[in-house]
């Protein structure tokens, strides 16, 4: 039987990684509106991972 909590955590970690990559691109391209929208999603995912007990010290490239 698959561990659904583990699957949810894996999906969230993957989403967090993607959002960070998109944020870095948006910042590089000076796309403020896109960056701010991505930041909303980033903060949501970051708070979820923090509540789940994930140490983001080495994973968080944005540091906001």
PDB file of N, CA and C in Angstrom:
ATOM      1  N   UNK A   1       0.849  -1.189   0.000  1.00  0.00           N
ATOM      2  CA  UNK A   1       0.000   0.000   0.000  1.00  0.00           C
ATOM      3  C   UNK A   1       0.894   1.252   0.000  1.00  0.00           C
ATOM      4  N   UNK A   2       0.675   2.182  -0.952  1.00  0.00           N
ATOM      5  CA  UNK A   2       1.507   3.375  -1.024  1.00  0.00           C
ATOM      6  C   UNK A   2       1.265   4.306   0.171  1.00  0.00           C
ATOM      7  N   UNK A   3       2.314   4.988   0.565  1.00  0.00           N
ATOM      8  CA  UNK A   3       2.214   5.953   1.650  1.00  0.00           C
ATOM      9  C   UNK A   3       1.800   7.293   1.047  1.00  0.00           C
ATOM     10  N   UNK A   4       0.531   7.652   1.197  1.00  0.00           N
ATOM     11  CA  UNK A   4       0.024   8.873   0.572  1.00  0.00           C
ATOM     12  C   UNK A   4       0.672  10.116   1.161  1.00  0.00           C
ATOM     13  N   UNK A   5       1.025  10.092   2.450  1.00  0.00           N
ATOM     14  CA  UNK A   5       1.698  11.244   3.042  1.00  0.00           C
ATOM     15  C   UNK A   5       3.060  11.462   2.391  1.00  0.00           C
ATOM     16  N   UNK A   6       3.761  10.386   2.135  1.00  0.00           N
ATOM     17  CA  UNK A   6       5.064  10.483   1.482  1.00  0.00           C
ATOM     18  C   UNK A   6       4.909  11.004   0.053  1.00  0.00           C
ATOM     19  N   UNK A   7       3.887  10.556  -0.643  1.00  0.00           N
ATOM     20  CA  UNK A   7       3.631  11.021  -2.010  1.00  0.00           C
ATOM     21  C   UNK A   7       3.294  12.515  -2.026  1.00  0.00           C
ATOM     22  N   UNK A   8       2.506  12.949  -1.069  1.00  0.00           N
ATOM     23  CA  UNK A   8       2.158  14.369  -0.970  1.00  0.00           C
ATOM     24  C   UNK A   8       3.401  15.191  -0.692  1.00  0.00           C
ATOM     25  N   UNK A   9       4.244  14.710   0.211  1.00  0.00           N
ATOM     26  CA  UNK A   9       5.475  15.412   0.551  1.00  0.00           C
ATOM     27  C   UNK A   9       6.406  15.486  -0.664  1.00  0.00           C
ATOM     28  N   UNK A  10       6.529  14.388  -1.390  1.00  0.00           N
ATOM     29  CA  UNK A  10       7.384  14.365  -2.573  1.00  0.00           C
ATOM     30  C   UNK A  10       6.884  15.372  -3.606  1.00  0.00           C
ATOM     31  N   UNK A  11       5.595  15.388  -3.851  1.00  0.00           N
ATOM     32  CA  UNK A  11       5.012  16.318  -4.830  1.00  0.00           C
ATOM     33  C   UNK A  11       5.229  17.770  -4.399  1.00  0.00           C
ATOM     34  N   UNK A  12       5.072  18.028  -3.116  1.00  0.00           N
ATOM     35  CA  UNK A  12       5.265  19.384  -2.609  1.00  0.00           C
ATOM     36  C   UNK A  12       6.716  19.816  -2.729  1.00  0.00           C
ATOM     37  N   UNK A  13       7.637  18.921  -2.433  1.00  0.00           N
ATOM     38  CA  UNK A  13       9.061  19.231  -2.569  1.00  0.00           C
ATOM     39  C   UNK A  13       9.408  19.527  -4.038  1.00  0.00           C
ATOM     40  N   UNK A  14       8.852  18.751  -4.945  1.00  0.00           N
ATOM     41  CA  UNK A  14       9.095  18.977  -6.376  1.00  0.00           C
ATOM     42  C   UNK A  14       8.522  20.320  -6.811  1.00  0.00           C
ATOM     43  N   UNK A  15       7.319  20.644  -6.341  1.00  0.00           N
ATOM     44  CA  UNK A  15       6.706  21.931  -6.664  1.00  0.00           C
ATOM     45  C   UNK A  15       7.529  23.091  -6.100  1.00  0.00           C
ATOM     46  N   UNK A  16       8.025  22.930  -4.877  1.00  0.00           N
ATOM     47  CA  UNK A  16       8.842  23.958  -4.245  1.00  0.00           C
ATOM     48  C   UNK A  16      10.102  24.217  -5.071  1.00  0.00           C
ATOM     49  N   UNK A  17      10.725  23.162  -5.533  1.00  0.00           N
ATOM     50  CA  UNK A  17      11.938  23.286  -6.359  1.00  0.00           C
ATOM     51  C   UNK A  17      11.625  24.022  -7.664  1.00  0.00           C
ATOM     52  N   UNK A  18      10.528  23.647  -8.320  1.00  0.00           N
ATOM     53  CA  UNK A  18      10.153  24.287  -9.585  1.00  0.00           C
ATOM     54  C   UNK A  18       9.846  25.771  -9.391  1.00  0.00           C
ATOM     55  N   UNK A  19       9.091  26.083  -8.353  1.00  0.00           N
ATOM     56  CA  UNK A  19       8.722  27.478  -8.092  1.00  0.00           C
ATOM     57  C   UNK A  19       9.968  28.325  -7.875  1.00  0.00           C
ATOM     58  N   UNK A  20      10.925  27.791  -7.143  1.00  0.00           N
ATOM     59  CA  UNK A  20      12.161  28.537  -6.916  1.00  0.00           C
ATOM     60  C   UNK A  20      12.893  28.805  -8.236  1.00  0.00           C
ATOM     61  N   UNK A  21      12.944  27.796  -9.093  1.00  0.00           N
ATOM     62  CA  UNK A  21      13.602  27.974 -10.393  1.00  0.00           C
ATOM     63  C   UNK A  21      12.893  29.056 -11.212  1.00  0.00           C
ATOM     64  N   UNK A  22      11.560  29.030 -11.220  1.00  0.00           N
ATOM     65  CA  UNK A  22      10.797  30.031 -11.964  1.00  0.00           C
ATOM     66  C   UNK A  22      10.975  31.425 -11.362  1.00  0.00           C
ATOM     67  N   UNK A  23      11.048  31.499 -10.039  1.00  0.00           N
ATOM     68  CA  UNK A  23      11.250  32.792  -9.383  1.00  0.00           C
ATOM     69  C   UNK A  23      12.601  33.384  -9.763  1.00  0.00           C
ATOM     70  N   UNK A  24      13.623  32.554  -9.778  1.00  0.00           N
ATOM     71  CA  UNK A  24      14.955  33.037 -10.145  1.00  0.00           C
ATOM     72  C   UNK A  24      14.979  33.529 -11.589  1.00  0.00           C
ATOM     73  N   UNK A  25      14.282  32.823 -12.478  1.00  0.00           N
ATOM     74  CA  UNK A  25      14.188  33.271 -13.867  1.00  0.00           C
ATOM     75  C   UNK A  25      13.424  34.587 -13.987  1.00  0.00           C
ATOM     76  N   UNK A  26      12.300  34.686 -13.286  1.00  0.00           N
ATOM     77  CA  UNK A  26      11.489  35.906 -13.339  1.00  0.00           C
ATOM     78  C   UNK A  26      12.279  37.097 -12.796  1.00  0.00           C
ATOM     79  N   UNK A  27      13.047  36.867 -11.743  1.00  0.00           N
ATOM     80  CA  UNK A  27      13.860  37.948 -11.178  1.00  0.00           C
ATOM     81  C   UNK A  27      14.940  38.373 -12.172  1.00  0.00           C
ATOM     82  N   UNK A  28      15.563  37.406 -12.802  1.00  0.00           N
ATOM     83  CA  UNK A  28      16.612  37.674 -13.795  1.00  0.00           C
ATOM     84  C   UNK A  28      16.048  38.455 -14.980  1.00  0.00           C
ATOM     85  N   UNK A  29      14.825  38.131 -15.383  1.00  0.00           N
ATOM     86  CA  UNK A  29      14.186  38.798 -16.511  1.00  0.00           C
ATOM     87  C   UNK A  29      13.498  40.100 -16.100  1.00  0.00           C
ATOM     88  N   UNK A  30      13.578  40.413 -14.821  1.00  0.00           N
ATOM     89  CA  UNK A  30      12.975  41.622 -14.266  1.00  0.00           C
ATOM     90  C   UNK A  30      11.455  41.651 -14.469  1.00  0.00           C
ATOM     91  N   UNK A  31      10.839  40.506 -14.308  1.00  0.00           N
ATOM     92  CA  UNK A  31       9.396  40.360 -14.471  1.00  0.00           C
ATOM     93  C   UNK A  31       8.724  40.408 -13.100  1.00  0.00           C
ATOM     94  N   UNK A  32       8.459  41.611 -12.633  1.00  0.00           N
ATOM     95  CA  UNK A  32       7.983  41.828 -11.273  1.00  0.00           C
ATOM     96  C   UNK A  32       6.635  41.168 -11.010  1.00  0.00           C
ATOM     97  N   UNK A  33       5.688  41.306 -11.917  1.00  0.00           N
ATOM     98  CA  UNK A  33       4.358  40.717 -11.703  1.00  0.00           C
ATOM     99  C   UNK A  33       4.445  39.198 -11.607  1.00  0.00           C
ATOM    100  N   UNK A  34       5.205  38.607 -12.490  1.00  0.00           N
ATOM    101  CA  UNK A  34       5.371  37.148 -12.470  1.00  0.00           C
ATOM    102  C   UNK A  34       6.059  36.718 -11.186  1.00  0.00           C
ATOM    103  N   UNK A  35       7.092  37.440 -10.798  1.00  0.00           N
ATOM    104  CA  UNK A  35       7.827  37.108  -9.576  1.00  0.00           C
ATOM    105  C   UNK A  35       6.904  37.158  -8.364  1.00  0.00           C
ATOM    106  N   UNK A  36       6.101  38.191  -8.264  1.00  0.00           N
ATOM    107  CA  UNK A  36       5.200  38.330  -7.111  1.00  0.00           C
ATOM    108  C   UNK A  36       4.155  37.213  -7.063  1.00  0.00           C
ATOM    109  N   UNK A  37       3.646  36.820  -8.203  1.00  0.00           N
ATOM    110  CA  UNK A  37       2.679  35.719  -8.250  1.00  0.00           C
ATOM    111  C   UNK A  37       3.347  34.412  -7.819  1.00  0.00           C
ATOM    112  N   UNK A  38       4.542  34.178  -8.327  1.00  0.00           N
ATOM    113  CA  UNK A  38       5.287  32.983  -7.939  1.00  0.00           C
ATOM    114  C   UNK A  38       5.635  33.021  -6.455  1.00  0.00           C
ATOM    115  N   UNK A  39       5.915  34.198  -5.931  1.00  0.00           N
ATOM    116  CA  UNK A  39       6.262  34.336  -4.518  1.00  0.00           C
ATOM    117  C   UNK A  39       5.100  33.900  -3.624  1.00  0.00           C
ATOM    118  N   UNK A  40       3.874  34.208  -4.035  1.00  0.00           N
ATOM    119  CA  UNK A  40       2.702  33.756  -3.276  1.00  0.00           C
ATOM    120  C   UNK A  40       2.698  32.229  -3.164  1.00  0.00           C
ATOM    121  N   UNK A  41       2.927  31.564  -4.277  1.00  0.00           N
ATOM    122  CA  UNK A  41       2.949  30.095  -4.285  1.00  0.00           C
ATOM    123  C   UNK A  41       4.137  29.573  -3.478  1.00  0.00           C
ATOM    124  N   UNK A  42       5.269  30.225  -3.621  1.00  0.00           N
ATOM    125  CA  UNK A  42       6.476  29.862  -2.884  1.00  0.00           C
ATOM    126  C   UNK A  42       6.232  29.920  -1.369  1.00  0.00           C
ATOM    127  N   UNK A  43       5.627  31.007  -0.901  1.00  0.00           N
ATOM    128  CA  UNK A  43       5.365  31.150   0.533  1.00  0.00           C
ATOM    129  C   UNK A  43       4.376  30.102   1.029  1.00  0.00           C
ATOM    130  N   UNK A  44       3.381  29.791   0.219  1.00  0.00           N
ATOM    131  CA  UNK A  44       2.421  28.755   0.577  1.00  0.00           C
ATOM    132  C   UNK A  44       3.116  27.406   0.727  1.00  0.00           C
ATOM    133  N   UNK A  45       3.917  27.035  -0.270  1.00  0.00           N
ATOM    134  CA  UNK A  45       4.626  25.754  -0.224  1.00  0.00           C
ATOM    135  C   UNK A  45       5.636  25.723   0.913  1.00  0.00           C
ATOM    136  N   UNK A  46       6.327  26.826   1.128  1.00  0.00           N
ATOM    137  CA  UNK A  46       7.317  26.900   2.201  1.00  0.00           C
ATOM    138  C   UNK A  46       6.652  26.720   3.564  1.00  0.00           C
ATOM    139  N   UNK A  47       5.507  27.347   3.760  1.00  0.00           N
ATOM    140  CA  UNK A  47       4.814  27.198   5.048  1.00  0.00           C
ATOM    141  C   UNK A  47       4.320  25.768   5.240  1.00  0.00           C
ATOM    142  N   UNK A  48       3.837  25.148   4.178  1.00  0.00           N
ATOM    143  CA  UNK A  48       3.392  23.754   4.253  1.00  0.00           C
ATOM    144  C   UNK A  48       4.555  22.846   4.645  1.00  0.00           C
ATOM    145  N   UNK A  49       5.684  23.033   3.998  1.00  0.00           N
ATOM    146  CA  UNK A  49       6.857  22.196   4.288  1.00  0.00           C
ATOM    147  C   UNK A  49       7.391  22.446   5.696  1.00  0.00           C
ATOM    148  N   UNK A  50       7.337  23.687   6.151  1.00  0.00           N
ATOM    149  CA  UNK A  50       7.758  23.986   7.519  1.00  0.00           C
ATOM    150  C   UNK A  50       6.866  23.288   8.535  1.00  0.00           C
ATOM    151  N   UNK A  51       5.570  23.333   8.329  1.00  0.00           N
ATOM    152  CA  UNK A  51       4.626  22.663   9.232  1.00  0.00           C
ATOM    153  C   UNK A  51       4.854  21.157   9.220  1.00  0.00           C
ATOM    154  N   UNK A  52       5.239  20.633   8.059  1.00  0.00           N
ATOM    155  CA  UNK A  52       5.493  19.196   7.936  1.00  0.00           C
ATOM    156  C   UNK A  52       6.846  18.798   8.538  1.00  0.00           C
ATOM    157  N   UNK A  53       7.612  19.789   8.973  1.00  0.00           N
ATOM    158  CA  UNK A  53       8.871  19.495   9.634  1.00  0.00           C
ATOM    159  C   UNK A  53      10.071  19.370   8.715  1.00  0.00           C
ATOM    160  N   UNK A  54       9.946  19.848   7.477  1.00  0.00           N
ATOM    161  CA  UNK A  54      11.055  19.766   6.523  1.00  0.00           C
ATOM    162  C   UNK A  54      12.034  20.909   6.799  1.00  0.00           C
ATOM    163  N   UNK A  55      13.303  20.588   6.949  1.00  0.00           N
ATOM    164  CA  UNK A  55      14.346  21.586   7.140  1.00  0.00           C
ATOM    165  C   UNK A  55      14.724  22.151   5.767  1.00  0.00           C
ATOM    166  N   UNK A  56      14.365  23.389   5.541  1.00  0.00           N
ATOM    167  CA  UNK A  56      14.591  24.015   4.237  1.00  0.00           C
ATOM    168  C   UNK A  56      15.907  24.781   4.157  1.00  0.00           C
ATOM    169  N   UNK A  57      16.729  24.691   5.186  1.00  0.00           N
ATOM    170  CA  UNK A  57      17.967  25.453   5.242  1.00  0.00           C
ATOM    171  C   UNK A  57      18.799  25.311   3.980  1.00  0.00           C
ATOM    172  N   UNK A  58      19.013  24.102   3.523  1.00  0.00           N
ATOM    173  CA  UNK A  58      19.841  23.875   2.340  1.00  0.00           C
ATOM    174  C   UNK A  58      19.043  23.811   1.046  1.00  0.00           C
ATOM    175  N   UNK A  59      17.729  23.728   1.139  1.00  0.00           N
ATOM    176  CA  UNK A  59      16.893  23.596  -0.052  1.00  0.00           C
ATOM    177  C   UNK A  59      16.375  24.930  -0.568  1.00  0.00           C
ATOM    178  N   UNK A  60      16.297  25.913   0.312  1.00  0.00           N
ATOM    179  CA  UNK A  60      15.697  27.189  -0.042  1.00  0.00           C
ATOM    180  C   UNK A  60      16.729  28.097  -0.714  1.00  0.00           C
ATOM    181  N   UNK A  61      16.564  28.284  -2.019  1.00  0.00           N
ATOM    182  CA  UNK A  61      17.485  29.128  -2.789  1.00  0.00           C
ATOM    183  C   UNK A  61      17.093  30.601  -2.730  1.00  0.00           C
ATOM    184  N   UNK A  62      15.845  30.874  -2.408  1.00  0.00           N
ATOM    185  CA  UNK A  62      15.328  32.241  -2.445  1.00  0.00           C
ATOM    186  C   UNK A  62      15.610  32.976  -1.134  1.00  0.00           C
ATOM    187  N   UNK A  63      15.463  32.308  -0.012  1.00  0.00           N
ATOM    188  CA  UNK A  63      15.745  32.866   1.326  1.00  0.00           C
ATOM    189  C   UNK A  63      14.869  34.056   1.668  1.00  0.00           C
ATOM    190  N   UNK A  64      13.585  33.991   1.323  1.00  0.00           N
ATOM    191  CA  UNK A  64      12.654  35.074   1.694  1.00  0.00           C
ATOM    192  C   UNK A  64      11.710  34.577   2.758  1.00  0.00           C
TER     193      UNK A  64
END
